[in-house]
């Protein structure tokens, strides 16, 4: 029970950190780790995963607005952050820890079972595990993490890795070749076929 309460508190801290620091700076990380020393490692891992994800997206500027590009961090900056952190954290440009598939297996679940437990449409879970989902919302990350029995930080690292190597999910019209199509969490949710009430729930900020 103590461990469960601690995990819930850690998740709450990470959700608050994500909301306030969408693209975390070193100053943000220092301030938050000092305010929550018990969760310093989780905060740093979450920040590293977030910077890694942004670094990948910045390489595809057509997917981002000018504001996001201006605030984005390069791979070099993300790697520097990882090297300079007080703890030895996840290196932002490399895979570390269990994958999403490994987490699912460890939880003794299948993708359809995970979708039913959330509950959410199977296509949403399928796109997540295929690496075709970006810009996740805190509510979804927290819900998935709890069902998989892992921390939000660990889930974010696994998701960032999956998003770097998305599975094929369509065909380029001009040449007929398979292509990997990534969409935002919001786009996937809105096109999932769920009810307006369900869509509103998953897109809520809290």
Protein backbone atom coordinates (compact mmCIF):
# COMPACT_ATOMS: atom_id res chain seq x y z
CA UNK A 1 0.00 0.00 0.00
CA UNK A 2 2.88 2.37 0.84
CA UNK A 3 4.51 1.63 -2.51
CA UNK A 4 1.22 2.15 -4.34
CA UNK A 5 0.67 5.52 -2.65
CA UNK A 6 4.23 6.55 -3.48
CA UNK A 7 3.68 5.64 -7.14
CA UNK A 8 0.47 7.63 -7.25
CA UNK A 9 2.25 10.64 -5.77
CA UNK A 10 5.08 10.29 -8.30
CA UNK A 11 2.56 10.19 -11.14
CA UNK A 12 0.87 13.34 -9.83
CA UNK A 13 4.22 15.15 -9.69
CA UNK A 14 5.12 14.07 -13.23
CA UNK A 15 1.75 15.14 -14.61
CA UNK A 16 2.14 18.56 -12.98
CA UNK A 17 5.71 18.82 -14.30
CA UNK A 18 4.56 17.91 -17.82
CA UNK A 19 1.78 20.50 -17.76
CA UNK A 20 4.01 23.34 -16.53
CA UNK A 21 7.15 22.42 -18.51
CA UNK A 22 6.04 21.11 -21.90
CA UNK A 23 9.59 21.58 -23.18
CA UNK A 24 11.71 21.42 -20.00
CA UNK A 25 14.86 23.50 -19.62
CA UNK A 26 17.73 22.80 -17.23
CA UNK A 27 16.36 25.52 -14.96
CA UNK A 28 12.93 23.81 -14.92
CA UNK A 29 14.49 20.46 -14.07
CA UNK A 30 16.63 21.93 -11.31
CA UNK A 31 13.66 23.72 -9.77
CA UNK A 32 11.41 20.67 -9.84
CA UNK A 33 14.01 18.19 -8.59
CA UNK A 34 14.83 20.51 -5.69
CA UNK A 35 11.13 20.83 -4.87
CA UNK A 36 10.58 17.06 -5.14
CA UNK A 37 13.90 15.35 -4.27
CA UNK A 38 12.24 11.97 -3.76
CA UNK A 39 11.20 11.96 -7.42
CA UNK A 40 14.29 13.63 -8.89
CA UNK A 41 15.23 10.61 -10.98
CA UNK A 42 11.68 10.25 -12.35
CA UNK A 43 11.61 13.94 -13.25
CA UNK A 44 14.95 13.75 -15.07
CA UNK A 45 13.93 10.60 -16.97
CA UNK A 46 10.65 12.20 -18.02
CA UNK A 47 12.49 15.33 -19.18
CA UNK A 48 15.04 13.28 -21.14
CA UNK A 49 12.28 11.31 -22.87
CA UNK A 50 10.38 14.50 -23.68
CA UNK A 51 13.46 16.23 -25.12
CA UNK A 52 14.27 13.14 -27.18
CA UNK A 53 10.77 13.08 -28.63
CA UNK A 54 10.93 16.80 -29.48
CA UNK A 55 14.35 16.33 -31.07
CA UNK A 56 12.93 13.71 -33.41
CA UNK A 57 9.97 15.92 -34.34
CA UNK A 58 12.14 18.98 -34.96
CA UNK A 59 13.82 16.99 -37.72
CA UNK A 60 10.40 16.89 -39.42
CA UNK A 61 9.41 20.62 -39.27
CA UNK A 62 6.31 20.09 -41.41
CA UNK A 63 4.71 18.41 -38.42
CA UNK A 64 5.30 21.35 -36.07
CA UNK A 65 4.21 24.94 -35.81
CA UNK A 66 6.77 27.77 -35.72
CA UNK A 67 6.45 28.16 -31.97
CA UNK A 68 7.29 24.51 -31.29
CA UNK A 69 10.25 24.59 -33.67
CA UNK A 70 11.60 27.72 -32.00
CA UNK A 71 11.37 26.10 -28.57
CA UNK A 72 12.59 22.66 -29.63
CA UNK A 73 15.82 21.13 -28.36
CA UNK A 74 18.38 19.49 -30.63
CA UNK A 75 19.68 15.96 -30.14
CA UNK A 76 23.01 17.39 -29.02
CA UNK A 77 21.36 19.50 -26.33
CA UNK A 78 19.32 16.54 -25.13
CA UNK A 79 22.44 14.39 -24.92
CA UNK A 80 24.28 17.15 -23.06
CA UNK A 81 21.44 17.36 -20.57
CA UNK A 82 21.62 13.61 -19.96
CA UNK A 83 25.38 13.73 -19.44
CA UNK A 84 25.20 16.66 -17.03
CA UNK A 85 22.40 15.31 -14.83
CA UNK A 86 23.24 14.48 -11.24
CA UNK A 87 21.97 10.92 -11.65
CA UNK A 88 22.91 8.59 -14.49
CA UNK A 89 19.63 8.83 -16.39
CA UNK A 90 18.31 7.62 -19.67
CA UNK A 91 20.43 8.87 -22.53
CA UNK A 92 18.06 10.91 -24.62
CA UNK A 93 19.16 9.56 -27.99
CA UNK A 94 19.30 5.86 -27.17
CA UNK A 95 16.85 3.17 -26.14
CA UNK A 96 16.98 2.18 -22.48
CA UNK A 97 14.81 -0.03 -20.34
CA UNK A 98 11.95 -2.29 -21.38
CA UNK A 99 10.00 -1.66 -24.56
CA UNK A 100 6.24 -1.16 -24.69
CA UNK A 101 5.84 -4.74 -25.89
CA UNK A 102 7.97 -6.01 -23.00
CA UNK A 103 5.87 -4.01 -20.54
CA UNK A 104 2.69 -5.46 -22.02
CA UNK A 105 4.07 -8.99 -21.76
CA UNK A 106 5.20 -8.43 -18.18
CA UNK A 107 1.68 -7.26 -17.29
CA UNK A 108 0.30 -10.47 -18.88
CA UNK A 109 -1.94 -8.45 -21.19
CA UNK A 110 -2.66 -8.31 -24.90
CA UNK A 111 -3.35 -5.07 -26.74
CA UNK A 112 -7.12 -5.79 -26.94
CA UNK A 113 -7.18 -6.58 -23.20
CA UNK A 114 -5.33 -3.37 -22.39
CA UNK A 115 -7.80 -1.40 -24.51
CA UNK A 116 -10.75 -2.96 -22.67
CA UNK A 117 -9.27 -2.19 -19.26
CA UNK A 118 -8.74 1.51 -19.94
CA UNK A 119 -11.35 1.50 -21.68
CA UNK A 120 -10.47 2.91 -25.08
CA UNK A 121 -10.73 1.90 -28.72
CA UNK A 122 -8.28 -0.80 -29.83
CA UNK A 123 -7.01 1.34 -32.71
CA UNK A 124 -5.65 3.86 -30.21
CA UNK A 125 -3.63 1.22 -28.38
CA UNK A 126 -2.49 -0.28 -31.69
CA UNK A 127 -1.16 3.08 -32.90
CA UNK A 128 0.62 3.61 -29.58
CA UNK A 129 2.46 0.28 -29.71
CA UNK A 130 3.28 0.74 -33.39
CA UNK A 131 5.03 4.04 -32.60
CA UNK A 132 2.56 5.99 -34.71
CA UNK A 133 1.37 8.24 -31.87
CA UNK A 134 2.96 11.52 -30.76
CA UNK A 135 2.04 14.36 -28.40
CA UNK A 136 0.46 12.12 -25.76
CA UNK A 137 -1.79 13.63 -23.09
CA UNK A 138 -0.95 13.17 -19.36
CA UNK A 139 -4.27 11.45 -18.62
CA UNK A 140 -3.59 8.77 -21.24
CA UNK A 141 0.05 8.26 -20.19
CA UNK A 142 -0.96 7.87 -16.55
CA UNK A 143 -3.78 5.44 -17.34
CA UNK A 144 -1.58 3.27 -19.56
CA UNK A 145 1.25 3.27 -17.02
CA UNK A 146 -1.00 2.09 -14.23
CA UNK A 147 -2.42 -0.76 -16.29
CA UNK A 148 1.09 -1.84 -17.32
CA UNK A 149 2.34 -1.56 -13.74
CA UNK A 150 5.18 0.85 -14.57
CA UNK A 151 6.01 4.45 -13.72
CA UNK A 152 4.97 7.26 -16.04
CA UNK A 153 8.66 8.07 -16.55
CA UNK A 154 9.45 4.49 -17.64
CA UNK A 155 6.44 4.47 -19.96
CA UNK A 156 7.50 7.79 -21.52
CA UNK A 157 10.98 6.44 -22.24
CA UNK A 158 9.52 3.32 -23.90
CA UNK A 159 7.09 5.43 -25.92
CA UNK A 160 9.84 7.80 -27.06
CA UNK A 161 11.82 4.82 -28.34
CA UNK A 162 8.79 3.37 -30.16
CA UNK A 163 8.05 6.75 -31.75
CA UNK A 164 11.59 6.91 -33.17
CA UNK A 165 11.02 3.72 -35.15
CA UNK A 166 7.30 3.68 -36.08
CA UNK A 167 5.85 0.61 -37.77
CA UNK A 168 4.52 0.94 -41.29
CA UNK A 169 0.92 2.06 -41.39
CA UNK A 170 -0.06 3.14 -44.88
CA UNK A 171 1.09 3.56 -48.48
CA UNK A 172 2.55 6.54 -50.24
CA UNK A 173 0.07 7.39 -53.01
CA UNK A 174 2.68 8.38 -55.57
CA UNK A 175 4.85 5.26 -55.50
CA UNK A 176 2.69 2.70 -53.69
CA UNK A 177 5.36 2.03 -51.06
CA UNK A 178 4.56 1.44 -47.37
CA UNK A 179 5.17 4.47 -45.17
CA UNK A 180 5.13 5.11 -41.42
CA UNK A 181 2.41 7.63 -40.59
CA UNK A 182 2.54 9.39 -37.22
CA UNK A 183 -0.38 11.39 -35.83
CA UNK A 184 -0.94 13.27 -32.62
CA UNK A 185 -2.85 11.64 -29.78
CA UNK A 186 -5.66 14.13 -30.38
CA UNK A 187 -5.92 13.25 -34.06
CA UNK A 188 -6.03 9.54 -33.27
CA UNK A 189 -8.65 9.99 -30.55
CA UNK A 190 -10.91 12.17 -32.72
CA UNK A 191 -10.82 9.66 -35.59
CA UNK A 192 -11.19 6.57 -33.38
CA UNK A 193 -14.96 6.29 -33.59
CA UNK A 194 -15.51 6.90 -29.88
CA UNK A 195 -18.44 8.92 -28.58
CA UNK A 196 -18.13 12.68 -28.03
CA UNK A 197 -18.19 12.05 -24.29
CA UNK A 198 -15.34 9.54 -24.52
CA UNK A 199 -13.33 11.85 -26.75
CA UNK A 200 -13.80 14.73 -24.33
CA UNK A 201 -12.64 12.54 -21.45
CA UNK A 202 -9.39 11.48 -23.08
CA UNK A 203 -8.60 14.98 -24.35
CA UNK A 204 -9.18 16.64 -20.97
CA UNK A 205 -6.06 18.15 -19.42
CA UNK A 206 -6.51 16.70 -15.92
